[in-house]
């Protein structure tokens, strides 16, 4: 969406044939049409707006047609909950809001000026937001029908792109959650989708997406409150899970949780007042004040721990800070303006919030991708540790049993049952540290003789099992002999040692256990015949 630069009234008159003048007074509102035409202090430019003009909640506009006046539109940009009052019929002024037809694009509120006008047209712009002290003259422009249509298309395309980015990042997080079941991904998906809904409402587009029967102000307000409550809760959960600030700042984290609950309680009570038709001006103002203060303090309570962890070098905190800083600053701008703390000129635009939110979703989405990579690495390492021997890196008994069951269902597989000769003597003579080094070196040497598809595992102690997949007995014997020779002649061995090997081709009727027993019997025969040799199992 574009930020609009406004030209002086004289330029408008030249281009579109209309002379536009403005009047604002702290003594007049949008009901005093009988007095407004008599006022003399109309200003025919939008530059150098006087202080008096900036203190009113009503902005009167007089559109005087020139001889060549064509069809045009007075457009108010980024006026939250703004209303135009068209006094072409002073007795029954036309009230124009964002939900009325024909609609302009989100964030744009237009009054159509006809080409055949003969007399000045008086319209008044006011803002329904209770905390607003003024409508902003700088946000009003005169546009031709073609320019308005082009601006609408740009506005809709930009809004769709930015919100689409947020929805896509939420969908990605949901896919990650369904894949690994990590709560941080679910919390982020809920948060970013609710934030996208809030962005739509800030651009006055949320109501346009609802069915006509649900497009009332109360319904839109109720949906917005629900989005804010969910966004606060899911955002805090995501923050704690992703940055882990609770481990370093536990007390401030508890304060953040309390503030989040207060914000949700304020939103829920306000929803209740709407549901039971008890939403008076005083109650709504009080609850909105409590909601905004709670969320503002929640934001302020989160940032110090995140900044502290980012300063200490934690990567997650730095990613979070980069991503969240722009939207948090914009949201704080909305809250501070709502509370009347900052001047009207610092009211953030809806476009700025959209850009900040889309930027945040991309940065934090990248952070979640990185987190997903870490989760998968951790799980792969856990699986590696569950199925592999810690000392040697070969498969452990559990992993080897699984591989044996699979191999027993295949054909042409050969099983090698290996046992290091006199390993107890090595431990007794040189110590267990040397024995452990011999086991690691033994696995390295044997692995060098195997193909990448073959399997080697530690069955227990100094006993190992190798599975040669789809090899055949003759090739299996050759591999076993190469392994025996390589171990015997290994120059890098901590101490010299040899290995005895039993070789067994998988039989058609062999179960995994029977196959292993046949290889074990062949190994026993090799050791009985003097060790440092291989023996083939009987069929």
Protein backbone atom coordinates (compact mmCIF):
# COMPACT_ATOMS: atom_id res chain seq x y z
CA UNK A 1 0.00 0.00 0.00
CA UNK A 2 1.21 3.51 -0.71
CA UNK A 3 1.76 6.48 1.56
CA UNK A 4 -0.04 9.41 0.02
CA UNK A 5 1.49 12.82 -0.68
CA UNK A 6 -1.14 15.55 -0.77
CA UNK A 7 -1.03 18.46 -3.20
CA UNK A 8 -2.29 21.99 -2.38
CA UNK A 9 -5.87 22.85 -3.30
CA UNK A 10 -4.80 25.07 -6.17
CA UNK A 11 -3.21 22.09 -7.89
CA UNK A 12 -6.41 20.12 -7.47
CA UNK A 13 -8.45 22.87 -9.08
CA UNK A 14 -6.14 22.92 -12.08
CA UNK A 15 -6.15 19.17 -12.61
CA UNK A 16 -9.72 18.18 -11.74
CA UNK A 17 -11.70 21.42 -11.87
CA UNK A 18 -12.60 21.50 -8.16
CA UNK A 19 -11.58 24.03 -5.54
CA UNK A 20 -11.26 22.40 -2.13
CA UNK A 21 -11.35 24.33 1.15
CA UNK A 22 -11.16 23.16 4.76
CA UNK A 23 -12.60 24.37 8.02
CA UNK A 24 -12.22 23.04 11.53
CA UNK A 25 -13.14 24.44 14.90
CA UNK A 26 -13.23 23.05 18.41
CA UNK A 27 -16.74 24.58 18.68
CA UNK A 28 -18.25 22.81 15.67
CA UNK A 29 -18.93 19.15 14.90
CA UNK A 30 -20.46 17.32 11.94
CA UNK A 31 -24.05 18.29 12.83
CA UNK A 32 -23.85 22.05 12.38
CA UNK A 33 -24.42 22.34 8.67
CA UNK A 34 -26.55 25.44 9.23
CA UNK A 35 -23.58 27.40 10.54
CA UNK A 36 -20.71 26.04 8.50
CA UNK A 37 -21.53 27.80 5.23
CA UNK A 38 -21.42 31.14 7.00
CA UNK A 39 -17.87 30.65 8.27
CA UNK A 40 -15.25 32.92 6.73
CA UNK A 41 -12.05 31.20 7.78
CA UNK A 42 -11.97 28.45 5.16
CA UNK A 43 -8.44 27.42 4.15
CA UNK A 44 -7.72 26.38 0.60
CA UNK A 45 -4.54 24.36 1.20
CA UNK A 46 -3.46 21.42 3.27
CA UNK A 47 0.00 22.76 4.06
CA UNK A 48 0.83 24.61 7.27
CA UNK A 49 -2.30 23.40 9.07
CA UNK A 50 -2.95 25.89 11.92
CA UNK A 51 -3.06 24.69 15.54
CA UNK A 52 -6.82 25.28 15.72
CA UNK A 53 -7.35 22.85 12.87
CA UNK A 54 -5.37 20.17 14.68
CA UNK A 55 -7.50 20.24 17.83
CA UNK A 56 -10.85 19.28 16.35
CA UNK A 57 -12.46 15.88 15.83
CA UNK A 58 -14.46 17.14 12.83
CA UNK A 59 -13.04 18.28 9.50
CA UNK A 60 -15.37 20.18 7.18
CA UNK A 61 -14.58 20.13 3.47
CA UNK A 62 -16.15 22.44 0.87
CA UNK A 63 -15.83 21.23 -2.72
CA UNK A 64 -16.61 24.05 -5.17
CA UNK A 65 -16.98 22.96 -8.81
CA UNK A 66 -15.25 25.01 -11.49
CA UNK A 67 -16.37 25.35 -15.10
CA UNK A 68 -14.49 22.20 -16.11
CA UNK A 69 -15.16 20.12 -12.98
CA UNK A 70 -15.23 16.41 -13.71
CA UNK A 71 -16.22 13.41 -11.65
CA UNK A 72 -13.86 12.99 -8.72
CA UNK A 73 -13.69 11.60 -5.20
CA UNK A 74 -12.64 12.99 -1.84
CA UNK A 75 -10.65 10.21 -0.21
CA UNK A 76 -9.65 9.88 3.43
CA UNK A 77 -6.65 7.61 3.93
CA UNK A 78 -5.87 5.62 7.09
CA UNK A 79 -8.56 7.22 9.25
CA UNK A 80 -9.48 4.53 11.78
CA UNK A 81 -13.26 4.18 12.09
CA UNK A 82 -13.77 7.38 10.11
CA UNK A 83 -17.18 8.54 8.84
CA UNK A 84 -18.02 10.95 6.05
CA UNK A 85 -21.23 13.00 6.33
CA UNK A 86 -22.45 14.20 2.92
CA UNK A 87 -24.73 17.24 3.26
CA UNK A 88 -25.99 17.52 -0.30
CA UNK A 89 -29.36 16.97 1.34
CA UNK A 90 -28.99 18.98 4.58
CA UNK A 91 -32.18 17.51 6.05
CA UNK A 92 -31.01 13.91 5.58
CA UNK A 93 -27.19 13.84 5.44
CA UNK A 94 -25.69 10.72 3.96
CA UNK A 95 -23.47 8.78 6.38
CA UNK A 96 -20.62 6.95 4.61
CA UNK A 97 -18.45 4.32 6.34
CA UNK A 98 -16.00 1.71 5.12
CA UNK A 99 -18.76 -0.92 5.03
CA UNK A 100 -21.10 1.07 2.77
CA UNK A 101 -21.45 0.46 -0.95
CA UNK A 102 -19.82 1.34 -3.24
CA UNK A 103 -16.76 0.49 -1.19
CA UNK A 104 -13.27 1.85 -1.69
CA UNK A 105 -10.20 -0.24 -0.94
CA UNK A 106 -9.16 -1.02 2.65
CA UNK A 107 -7.84 2.07 4.38
CA UNK A 108 -9.60 4.41 1.92
CA UNK A 109 -12.94 6.14 2.51
CA UNK A 110 -14.34 8.03 -0.47
CA UNK A 111 -17.08 10.58 -1.18
CA UNK A 112 -18.00 10.76 -4.86
CA UNK A 113 -18.21 14.24 -6.43
CA UNK A 114 -20.37 14.38 -9.61
CA UNK A 115 -19.27 16.01 -12.83
CA UNK A 116 -22.51 18.02 -13.22
CA UNK A 117 -22.41 19.82 -9.86
CA UNK A 118 -23.55 23.45 -9.93
CA UNK A 119 -23.02 24.53 -6.31
CA UNK A 120 -20.53 23.81 -3.51
CA UNK A 121 -20.78 20.44 -1.80
CA UNK A 122 -20.26 20.31 1.96
CA UNK A 123 -18.99 17.14 3.60
CA UNK A 124 -17.64 16.50 7.07
CA UNK A 125 -15.16 13.84 8.19
CA UNK A 126 -15.12 12.62 11.79
CA UNK A 127 -13.57 9.69 13.61
CA UNK A 128 -15.59 7.36 15.86
CA UNK A 129 -12.50 6.28 17.81
CA UNK A 130 -13.17 7.58 21.30
CA UNK A 131 -9.55 8.48 21.96
CA UNK A 132 -9.08 10.40 18.70
CA UNK A 133 -8.55 14.10 19.16
CA UNK A 134 -8.69 14.92 15.46
CA UNK A 135 -9.03 13.68 11.96
CA UNK A 136 -5.91 14.45 9.99
CA UNK A 137 -6.24 16.93 7.16
CA UNK A 138 -3.05 15.61 5.62
CA UNK A 139 -4.78 12.28 5.00
CA UNK A 140 -7.48 13.76 2.69
CA UNK A 141 -6.93 13.92 -1.05
CA UNK A 142 -8.94 14.60 -4.19
CA UNK A 143 -8.63 11.89 -6.84
CA UNK A 144 -10.07 11.29 -10.27
CA UNK A 145 -12.14 8.16 -10.75
CA UNK A 146 -9.34 6.50 -12.71
CA UNK A 147 -6.71 7.37 -10.10
CA UNK A 148 -8.99 6.14 -7.32
CA UNK A 149 -9.53 2.84 -9.09
CA UNK A 150 -5.78 2.41 -9.67
CA UNK A 151 -5.07 3.27 -6.03
CA UNK A 152 -7.69 0.77 -4.90
CA UNK A 153 -6.10 -1.99 -6.97
CA UNK A 154 -2.64 -1.18 -5.60
CA UNK A 155 -4.02 -1.09 -2.08
CA UNK A 156 -5.78 -4.44 -2.40
CA UNK A 157 -2.81 -6.10 -4.11
CA UNK A 158 -0.39 -4.88 -1.46
CA UNK A 159 -2.68 -5.89 1.39
CA UNK A 160 -3.23 -9.32 -0.13
CA UNK A 161 0.51 -9.83 -0.61
CA UNK A 162 1.49 -8.82 2.90
CA UNK A 163 -1.30 -10.75 4.61
CA UNK A 164 -0.61 -13.69 2.31
CA UNK A 165 3.01 -13.75 3.50
CA UNK A 166 1.80 -13.93 7.10
CA UNK A 167 -0.72 -16.68 6.38
CA UNK A 168 1.93 -18.67 4.52
CA UNK A 169 4.38 -18.39 7.43
CA UNK A 170 1.65 -19.59 9.78
CA UNK A 171 0.90 -22.54 7.51
CA UNK A 172 4.60 -23.41 7.41
CA UNK A 173 4.74 -23.34 11.21
CA UNK A 174 1.68 -25.59 11.39
CA UNK A 175 3.32 -28.09 9.04
CA UNK A 176 6.40 -28.07 11.26
CA UNK A 177 4.22 -28.66 14.31
CA UNK A 178 2.42 -31.60 12.70
CA UNK A 179 5.80 -33.02 11.72
CA UNK A 180 7.64 -32.80 15.05
CA UNK A 181 4.89 -31.89 17.59
CA UNK A 182 6.92 -29.05 19.10
CA UNK A 183 4.53 -26.54 20.83
CA UNK A 184 6.61 -23.55 19.73
CA UNK A 185 5.49 -24.06 16.12
CA UNK A 186 1.79 -24.29 17.02
CA UNK A 187 2.04 -21.15 19.18
CA UNK A 188 3.65 -19.22 16.34
CA UNK A 189 1.05 -20.39 13.81
CA UNK A 190 -1.82 -19.19 16.03
CA UNK A 191 -0.03 -15.94 16.79
CA UNK A 192 0.79 -15.00 13.20
CA UNK A 193 -2.71 -15.89 11.93
CA UNK A 194 -4.31 -13.75 14.65
CA UNK A 195 -1.85 -10.97 13.84
CA UNK A 196 -2.89 -11.21 10.18
CA UNK A 197 -6.52 -10.77 11.24
CA UNK A 198 -5.56 -7.77 13.36
CA UNK A 199 -3.68 -6.28 10.40
CA UNK A 200 -6.80 -6.69 8.26
CA UNK A 201 -8.84 -4.89 10.89
CA UNK A 202 -6.29 -2.08 11.14
CA UNK A 203 -6.77 -1.59 7.39
CA UNK A 204 -10.57 -1.69 7.88
CA UNK A 205 -10.71 -4.80 5.70
CA UNK A 206 -11.80 -7.44 8.22
CA UNK A 207 -15.47 -6.49 8.02
CA UNK A 208 -15.37 -6.68 4.23
CA UNK A 209 -14.46 -10.37 4.41
CA UNK A 210 -17.44 -11.26 6.59
CA UNK A 211 -20.90 -12.22 5.30
CA UNK A 212 -23.31 -9.31 5.12
CA UNK A 213 -25.28 -10.61 8.10
CA UNK A 214 -22.15 -10.49 10.31
CA UNK A 215 -20.81 -7.14 9.19
CA UNK A 216 -22.10 -5.11 12.13
CA UNK A 217 -19.75 -2.99 14.22
CA UNK A 218 -20.31 -5.19 17.28
CA UNK A 219 -19.42 -8.36 15.37
CA UNK A 220 -16.22 -6.86 13.96
CA UNK A 221 -15.30 -5.54 17.42
CA UNK A 222 -15.94 -8.95 19.00
CA UNK A 223 -13.78 -10.73 16.40
CA UNK A 224 -11.02 -8.16 16.86
CA UNK A 225 -11.07 -8.64 20.64
CA UNK A 226 -10.89 -12.42 20.24
CA UNK A 227 -7.95 -12.02 17.85
CA UNK A 228 -6.13 -9.73 20.29
CA UNK A 229 -6.66 -12.14 23.21
CA UNK A 230 -5.44 -15.15 21.21
CA UNK A 231 -2.55 -13.16 19.77
CA UNK A 232 -1.37 -12.08 23.23
CA UNK A 233 -1.56 -15.60 24.65
CA UNK A 234 -0.01 -17.40 21.67
CA UNK A 235 2.62 -14.68 21.23
CA UNK A 236 3.77 -15.00 24.83
CA UNK A 237 3.87 -18.80 24.63
CA UNK A 238 5.91 -18.59 21.45
CA UNK A 239 8.26 -16.03 23.01
CA UNK A 240 8.93 -18.17 26.07
CA UNK A 241 9.37 -21.38 24.06
CA UNK A 242 11.60 -19.84 21.39
CA UNK A 243 13.83 -17.50 23.41
CA UNK A 244 13.73 -19.40 26.76
CA UNK A 245 13.83 -16.14 28.68
CA UNK A 246 12.02 -17.81 31.58
CA UNK A 247 15.19 -19.72 32.48
CA UNK A 248 17.19 -16.50 32.91
CA UNK A 249 14.51 -14.02 34.02
CA UNK A 250 11.95 -16.15 35.93
CA UNK A 251 10.42 -13.32 37.98
CA UNK A 252 9.88 -10.99 35.04
CA UNK A 253 8.46 -13.92 33.09
CA UNK A 254 5.86 -14.45 35.82
CA UNK A 255 4.98 -10.75 35.57
CA UNK A 256 4.54 -11.16 31.79
CA UNK A 257 2.21 -14.11 32.32
CA UNK A 258 0.08 -12.09 34.77
CA UNK A 259 -0.11 -9.16 32.34
CA UNK A 260 -1.11 -11.50 29.52
CA UNK A 261 -3.92 -12.92 31.65
CA UNK A 262 -5.12 -9.43 32.55
CA UNK A 263 -5.21 -8.51 28.86
CA UNK A 264 -7.17 -11.66 28.03
CA UNK A 265 -9.55 -11.03 30.94
CA UNK A 266 -10.21 -7.48 29.75
CA UNK A 267 -10.92 -8.74 26.23
CA UNK A 268 -13.21 -11.53 27.50
CA UNK A 269 -15.18 -9.15 29.74
CA UNK A 270 -15.62 -6.75 26.83
CA UNK A 271 -16.80 -9.66 24.68
CA UNK A 272 -19.31 -10.49 27.40
CA UNK A 273 -20.65 -6.93 27.47
CA UNK A 274 -21.11 -7.06 23.69
CA UNK A 275 -22.81 -10.45 23.83
CA UNK A 276 -25.26 -9.32 26.54
CA UNK A 277 -25.80 -5.88 24.97
CA UNK A 278 -24.26 -4.09 27.96
CA UNK A 279 -21.44 -2.38 26.08
CA UNK A 280 -21.96 1.19 27.30
CA UNK A 281 -19.50 3.94 26.40
CA UNK A 282 -18.06 4.09 29.92
CA UNK A 283 -17.64 0.31 30.24
CA UNK A 284 -16.11 -0.01 26.77
CA UNK A 285 -13.68 2.84 27.44
CA UNK A 286 -12.59 1.35 30.77
CA UNK A 287 -12.10 -2.13 29.35
CA UNK A 288 -10.28 -0.84 26.27
CA UNK A 289 -8.02 1.18 28.55
CA UNK A 290 -7.27 -1.89 30.69
CA UNK A 291 -6.61 -4.00 27.57
CA UNK A 292 -4.24 -1.49 26.01
CA UNK A 293 -2.35 -0.85 29.25
CA UNK A 294 -1.96 -4.60 29.89
CA UNK A 295 -0.65 -5.31 26.40
CA UNK A 296 1.63 -2.29 26.49
CA UNK A 297 3.14 -3.40 29.80
CA UNK A 298 3.35 -6.97 28.49
CA UNK A 299 5.43 -5.78 25.53
CA UNK A 300 7.65 -3.74 27.83
CA UNK A 301 8.14 -6.69 30.20
CA UNK A 302 9.23 -9.02 27.39
CA UNK A 303 11.80 -6.79 25.75
CA UNK A 304 14.43 -6.42 28.56
CA UNK A 305 15.04 -10.19 28.88
CA UNK A 306 15.17 -10.59 25.10
CA UNK A 307 17.61 -7.69 24.74
CA UNK A 308 19.72 -9.13 27.57
CA UNK A 309 19.93 -12.57 25.93
CA UNK A 310 20.62 -11.02 22.52
CA UNK A 311 23.46 -9.01 24.09
CA UNK A 312 24.85 -12.24 25.56
CA UNK A 313 24.93 -13.76 22.09
CA UNK A 314 21.95 -16.12 22.05
CA UNK A 315 20.96 -16.54 18.43
CA UNK A 316 17.24 -17.09 19.04
CA UNK A 317 16.98 -13.86 21.02
CA UNK A 318 18.71 -11.92 18.26
CA UNK A 319 16.41 -13.32 15.57
CA UNK A 320 13.41 -12.58 17.77
CA UNK A 321 14.57 -9.03 18.42
CA UNK A 322 15.19 -8.32 14.74
CA UNK A 323 11.81 -9.72 13.73
CA UNK A 324 9.66 -8.33 16.53
CA UNK A 325 11.15 -4.87 16.95
CA UNK A 326 9.33 -3.20 13.98
CA UNK A 327 5.77 -4.48 14.73
CA UNK A 328 6.20 -4.00 18.47
CA UNK A 329 7.20 -0.39 17.95
CA UNK A 330 4.18 0.14 15.71
CA UNK A 331 1.84 -1.56 18.19
CA UNK A 332 3.27 0.55 21.01
CA UNK A 333 2.62 3.58 18.81
CA UNK A 334 -1.05 2.59 18.48
CA UNK A 335 -1.36 2.01 22.23
CA UNK A 336 0.38 5.25 23.23
CA UNK A 337 -1.75 7.24 20.78
CA UNK A 338 -4.90 5.54 22.05
CA UNK A 339 -3.96 6.51 25.59
CA UNK A 340 -3.32 10.09 24.47
CA UNK A 341 0.36 10.00 25.45
CA UNK A 342 1.85 10.72 22.03
CA UNK A 343 0.75 13.49 19.63
CA UNK A 344 -1.66 12.82 16.78
CA UNK A 345 1.13 13.24 14.23
CA UNK A 346 2.81 10.08 15.56
CA UNK A 347 -0.21 7.85 14.94
CA UNK A 348 1.21 4.87 12.97
CA UNK A 349 -0.43 4.17 9.64
CA UNK A 350 -2.08 0.87 8.80
CA UNK A 351 0.40 0.45 5.95
CA UNK A 352 3.30 0.70 8.36
CA UNK A 353 1.77 -1.99 10.55
CA UNK A 354 1.25 -4.26 7.54
CA UNK A 355 4.84 -3.89 6.38
CA UNK A 356 6.19 -4.43 9.90
CA UNK A 357 4.00 -7.50 10.44
CA UNK A 358 5.00 -9.08 7.12
CA UNK A 359 8.68 -8.38 7.86
CA UNK A 360 8.29 -9.94 11.30
CA UNK A 361 6.62 -13.07 9.93
CA UNK A 362 9.44 -13.56 7.40
CA UNK A 363 12.24 -13.08 9.96
CA UNK A 364 10.63 -15.25 12.63
CA UNK A 365 9.66 -17.76 9.95
CA UNK A 366 13.33 -18.03 9.03
CA UNK A 367 14.05 -18.49 12.74
CA UNK A 368 11.52 -21.32 12.89
CA UNK A 369 13.12 -23.02 9.89
CA UNK A 370 16.43 -22.86 11.74
CA UNK A 371 14.71 -24.20 14.87
CA UNK A 372 13.21 -27.02 12.81
CA UNK A 373 16.67 -27.94 11.58
CA UNK A 374 17.92 -28.06 15.17
CA UNK A 375 14.97 -30.21 16.27
CA UNK A 376 15.62 -32.69 13.47
CA UNK A 377 19.31 -32.80 14.26
CA UNK A 378 18.54 -33.44 17.92
CA UNK A 379 16.13 -36.22 17.03
CA UNK A 380 18.55 -37.75 14.57
CA UNK A 381 21.24 -37.68 17.24
CA UNK A 382 18.82 -39.26 19.71
CA UNK A 383 17.97 -41.97 17.17
CA UNK A 384 21.68 -42.46 16.49
CA UNK A 385 22.35 -42.89 20.19
CA UNK A 386 19.41 -45.26 20.57
CA UNK A 387 20.56 -47.57 17.76
CA UNK A 388 24.34 -47.18 17.86
CA UNK A 389 27.07 -48.18 20.26
CA UNK A 390 28.46 -45.14 22.04
CA UNK A 391 32.04 -46.47 22.18
CA UNK A 392 32.54 -47.69 18.61
CA UNK A 393 29.80 -45.97 16.59
CA UNK A 394 28.64 -49.32 15.16
CA UNK A 395 25.05 -50.47 15.55
CA UNK A 396 24.18 -51.63 19.04
CA UNK A 397 22.23 -54.77 19.92
CA UNK A 398 18.88 -53.07 19.36
CA UNK A 399 19.80 -51.67 15.97
CA UNK A 400 21.42 -54.91 14.92
CA UNK A 401 18.35 -56.99 15.80
CA UNK A 402 16.21 -54.73 13.60
CA UNK A 403 18.66 -55.07 10.70
CA UNK A 404 18.74 -58.87 11.13
CA UNK A 405 14.97 -59.11 10.91
CA UNK A 406 15.00 -57.13 7.65
CA UNK A 407 17.90 -59.14 6.21
CA UNK A 408 16.19 -62.42 7.12
CA UNK A 409 13.41 -61.47 4.73
CA UNK A 410 15.83 -60.92 1.84
CA UNK A 411 17.75 -63.34 -0.35
CA UNK A 412 21.49 -63.81 -0.89
CA UNK A 413 22.54 -62.13 2.38
CA UNK A 414 25.62 -63.36 4.26
CA UNK A 415 26.17 -63.04 8.00
CA UNK A 416 29.65 -62.64 9.50
CA UNK A 417 29.99 -63.31 13.22
CA UNK A 418 33.31 -61.80 14.40
CA UNK A 419 35.11 -62.19 17.73
CA UNK A 420 38.39 -60.53 18.70
CA UNK A 421 40.82 -63.24 19.82
CA UNK A 422 42.01 -63.19 23.44
CA UNK A 423 40.45 -59.81 24.10
CA UNK A 424 40.40 -60.46 27.86
CA UNK A 425 44.18 -60.79 27.80
CA UNK A 426 44.44 -57.36 26.14
CA UNK A 427 42.37 -55.78 28.91
CA UNK A 428 44.29 -57.58 31.65
CA UNK A 429 47.73 -56.80 30.21
CA UNK A 430 47.22 -53.27 28.91
CA UNK A 431 44.12 -51.95 30.68
CA UNK A 432 40.57 -51.23 29.60
CA UNK A 433 41.51 -47.93 27.96
CA UNK A 434 43.72 -49.77 25.48
CA UNK A 435 40.99 -52.38 25.07
CA UNK A 436 38.48 -49.64 24.17
CA UNK A 437 40.93 -48.23 21.62
CA UNK A 438 41.29 -51.70 20.10
CA UNK A 439 37.49 -51.98 19.77
CA UNK A 440 37.25 -48.61 18.02
CA UNK A 441 40.13 -49.44 15.69
CA UNK A 442 38.61 -52.84 14.93
CA UNK A 443 35.35 -51.20 13.79
CA UNK A 444 37.29 -48.71 11.62
CA UNK A 445 39.27 -51.48 9.89
CA UNK A 446 36.21 -53.69 9.31
CA UNK A 447 34.13 -50.78 7.98
CA UNK A 448 36.84 -50.08 5.38
CA UNK A 449 36.33 -53.57 3.97
CA UNK A 450 32.54 -53.26 3.72
CA UNK A 451 30.35 -51.59 1.14
CA UNK A 452 28.24 -48.60 2.07
CA UNK A 453 25.07 -50.73 2.03
CA UNK A 454 26.49 -53.36 4.40
CA UNK A 455 25.81 -53.31 8.14
CA UNK A 456 28.19 -53.67 11.07
CA UNK A 457 27.09 -53.88 14.70
CA UNK A 458 28.46 -54.65 18.13
CA UNK A 459 26.57 -57.66 19.48
CA UNK A 460 28.18 -57.56 22.90
CA UNK A 461 31.65 -57.21 24.45
CA UNK A 462 34.22 -58.06 21.76
CA UNK A 463 31.66 -59.80 19.49
CA UNK A 464 30.50 -58.09 16.29
CA UNK A 465 28.11 -59.00 13.48
CA UNK A 466 28.31 -57.87 9.85
CA UNK A 467 25.46 -58.25 7.35
CA UNK A 468 26.51 -58.40 3.69
CA UNK A 469 23.40 -57.61 1.66
CA UNK A 470 22.72 -59.67 -1.50
CA UNK A 471 26.29 -60.86 -1.74
CA UNK A 472 26.35 -64.65 -2.09
CA UNK A 473 28.49 -67.10 -0.14
CA UNK A 474 31.63 -66.93 -2.30
CA UNK A 475 31.79 -63.13 -2.18
CA UNK A 476 31.00 -63.24 1.53
CA UNK A 477 33.99 -65.49 2.18
CA UNK A 478 36.26 -63.09 0.27
CA UNK A 479 35.07 -60.12 2.31
CA UNK A 480 35.54 -62.05 5.56
CA UNK A 481 39.08 -63.02 4.59
CA UNK A 482 39.96 -59.42 3.69
CA UNK A 483 38.69 -58.31 7.10
CA UNK A 484 40.73 -61.02 8.88
CA UNK A 485 43.93 -60.07 7.05
CA UNK A 486 43.35 -56.32 7.53
CA UNK A 487 42.90 -56.75 11.28
CA UNK A 488 45.94 -59.00 11.66
CA UNK A 489 48.23 -56.67 9.70
CA UNK A 490 46.86 -53.34 10.94
CA UNK A 491 49.84 -51.07 11.66
CA UNK A 492 47.66 -48.54 13.54
CA UNK A 493 46.31 -51.02 16.10
CA UNK A 494 47.08 -50.02 19.74
CA UNK A 495 48.37 -53.59 20.26
CA UNK A 496 48.46 -56.45 17.75
CA UNK A 497 45.37 -58.68 17.77
CA UNK A 498 43.49 -61.04 15.46
CA UNK A 499 39.88 -61.99 14.76
CA UNK A 500 37.95 -65.24 14.24
CA UNK A 501 34.95 -65.22 11.90
CA UNK A 502 31.93 -67.44 11.33
CA UNK A 503 30.32 -67.14 7.89
CA UNK A 504 26.67 -68.10 7.27
CA UNK A 505 24.57 -67.71 4.12
CA UNK A 506 20.93 -67.08 4.91
CA UNK A 507 18.88 -70.21 4.31
CA UNK A 508 15.38 -70.11 2.90
CA UNK A 509 13.86 -71.43 6.12
CA UNK A 510 16.14 -69.50 8.50
CA UNK A 511 14.64 -67.06 10.93
CA UNK A 512 16.85 -64.21 12.10
CA UNK A 513 17.61 -66.10 15.32
CA UNK A 514 18.38 -69.38 13.55
CA UNK A 515 20.63 -67.60 11.06
CA UNK A 516 22.56 -65.96 13.89
CA UNK A 517 22.92 -69.29 15.70
CA UNK A 518 24.40 -70.95 12.59
CA UNK A 519 26.96 -68.13 12.27
CA UNK A 520 27.75 -68.42 15.98
CA UNK A 521 28.39 -72.15 15.61
CA UNK A 522 30.78 -71.46 12.72
CA UNK A 523 32.57 -68.88 14.88
CA UNK A 524 32.90 -71.41 17.70
CA UNK A 525 34.45 -73.83 15.24
CA UNK A 526 36.95 -71.17 14.05
CA UNK A 527 38.04 -70.48 17.63
CA UNK A 528 38.28 -74.21 18.42
CA UNK A 529 40.55 -74.78 15.40
CA UNK A 530 43.13 -72.23 16.59
CA UNK A 531 41.56 -68.78 16.02
CA UNK A 532 42.56 -66.12 13.45
CA UNK A 533 40.59 -67.90 10.72
CA UNK A 534 37.15 -68.09 9.22
CA UNK A 535 34.79 -71.07 9.09
CA UNK A 536 31.72 -71.49 6.93
CA UNK A 537 28.50 -72.56 8.64
CA UNK A 538 26.84 -75.79 7.66
CA UNK A 539 23.67 -75.50 5.58
